[in-house]
Protein backbone atom coordinates (compact mmCIF):
# COMPACT_ATOMS: atom_id res chain seq x y z
CA MET A 1 0.00 0.00 0.00
CA VAL A 2 1.26 3.45 -0.92
CA LEU A 3 0.73 4.96 2.54
CA ASP A 4 3.09 2.39 4.06
CA LYS A 5 5.96 4.10 2.19
CA MET A 6 5.15 7.60 3.48
CA GLU A 7 7.35 9.17 6.13
CA ASN A 8 6.77 12.11 8.40
CA PHE A 9 8.07 15.04 6.36
CA GLY A 10 7.74 17.59 9.16
CA LYS A 11 4.14 18.15 8.17
CA ILE A 12 2.94 21.62 7.28
CA SER A 13 0.49 22.94 9.89
CA VAL A 14 -0.71 26.09 8.09
CA LEU A 15 -0.72 26.98 4.40
CA LYS A 16 -1.60 30.39 2.98
CA SER A 17 -2.19 31.35 -0.62
CA GLY A 18 -3.70 34.70 -1.49
CA TYR A 19 -6.86 34.99 0.59
CA PHE A 20 -7.12 31.28 1.45
CA LYS A 21 -5.74 29.63 4.58
CA ALA A 22 -5.53 25.87 5.24
CA THR A 23 -5.05 24.65 8.80
CA LYS A 24 -4.15 21.06 9.69
CA LYS A 25 -6.79 19.26 11.73
CA GLU A 26 -5.68 17.54 14.93
CA GLY A 27 -4.96 13.81 14.72
CA ILE A 28 -5.94 13.28 11.07
CA GLU A 29 -4.39 13.98 7.68
CA GLU A 30 -6.78 16.74 6.67
CA TYR A 31 -6.58 20.49 6.31
CA GLU A 32 -9.55 22.81 6.74
CA VAL A 33 -9.57 25.50 4.02
CA LYS A 34 -11.13 28.90 4.73
CA HIS A 35 -11.40 32.17 2.88
CA GLU A 36 -9.90 35.16 4.70
CA ASN A 37 -13.45 36.22 5.61
CA GLY A 38 -13.75 33.02 7.68
CA VAL A 39 -16.01 31.09 5.31
CA PHE A 40 -15.21 27.37 5.17
CA VAL A 41 -14.65 26.38 1.51
CA GLY A 42 -13.54 22.74 1.83
CA ASP A 43 -10.86 20.31 2.94
CA PHE A 44 -7.59 18.94 1.64
CA VAL A 45 -7.85 15.21 2.47
CA LEU A 46 -5.04 12.64 2.25
CA ASP A 47 -6.16 9.83 -0.06
CA VAL A 48 -5.00 6.20 -0.17
CA ASP A 49 -2.60 6.98 -3.04
CA GLY A 50 -0.62 9.33 -0.77
CA TYR A 51 -1.82 12.55 -2.41
CA TYR A 52 -4.02 15.23 -0.89
CA LYS A 53 -7.28 15.92 -2.75
CA TYR A 54 -9.53 18.97 -2.50
CA TRP A 55 -13.08 18.32 -1.31
CA PRO A 56 -15.28 21.41 -1.71
CA ALA A 57 -17.64 22.23 1.16
CA ASP A 58 -20.73 22.24 -1.04
CA ARG A 59 -22.06 23.43 -4.37
CA SER A 60 -23.78 26.60 -3.20
CA GLY A 61 -21.25 28.95 -4.76
CA TYR A 62 -18.61 29.19 -7.43
CA TYR A 63 -14.86 29.66 -7.78
CA ILE A 64 -13.31 31.97 -10.32
CA GLU A 65 -10.09 31.08 -12.14
CA GLY A 66 -7.93 32.96 -9.62
CA ASP A 67 -9.53 31.12 -6.69
CA LEU A 68 -8.85 27.76 -8.30
CA PHE A 69 -5.25 28.75 -8.97
CA LEU A 70 -4.72 29.69 -5.31
CA LEU A 71 -6.22 26.38 -4.17
CA PHE A 72 -4.07 24.56 -6.75
CA THR A 73 -0.95 26.28 -5.39
CA MET A 74 -1.72 25.12 -1.86
CA LEU A 75 -2.51 21.56 -2.94
CA LYS A 76 0.66 21.40 -5.07
CA ARG A 77 2.74 22.40 -2.04
CA LEU A 78 1.11 19.75 0.17
CA ASN A 79 1.78 17.06 -2.44
CA SER A 80 5.27 18.14 -3.56
CA LYS A 81 7.39 16.02 -1.21
CA TRP A 82 5.35 12.85 -1.77
CA ASP A 83 5.29 13.50 -5.52
CA ASN A 84 9.08 13.73 -5.55
CA ILE A 85 9.35 10.37 -3.75
CA VAL A 86 6.90 8.71 -6.13
CA LYS A 87 8.77 10.01 -9.18
CA ASN A 88 12.15 8.85 -7.87
CA ASP A 89 11.35 5.52 -6.20
CA PRO A 90 11.05 2.67 -8.73
CA ASN A 91 9.34 0.50 -6.10
CA ILE A 92 6.24 2.68 -5.94
């Protein structure tokens, strides 16, 4: 299983990108994502393949291109260390 190969990378506890902030939840591999106005917009959740995925809070609103880019930037940073391992380890 992919998660068996993961190590503790000195996990990130808070990520900021533009007007979004993601804070790690206690005891689980999830980050709560909020807009700077305090509105919860979704979670970054660690999946079985070792990568974090974005789960939107609901479908009651929309995201413009810039919003999606900021969320992408945060998700890319969360996944960067694991992605580097996957690309360089022939056993994965």
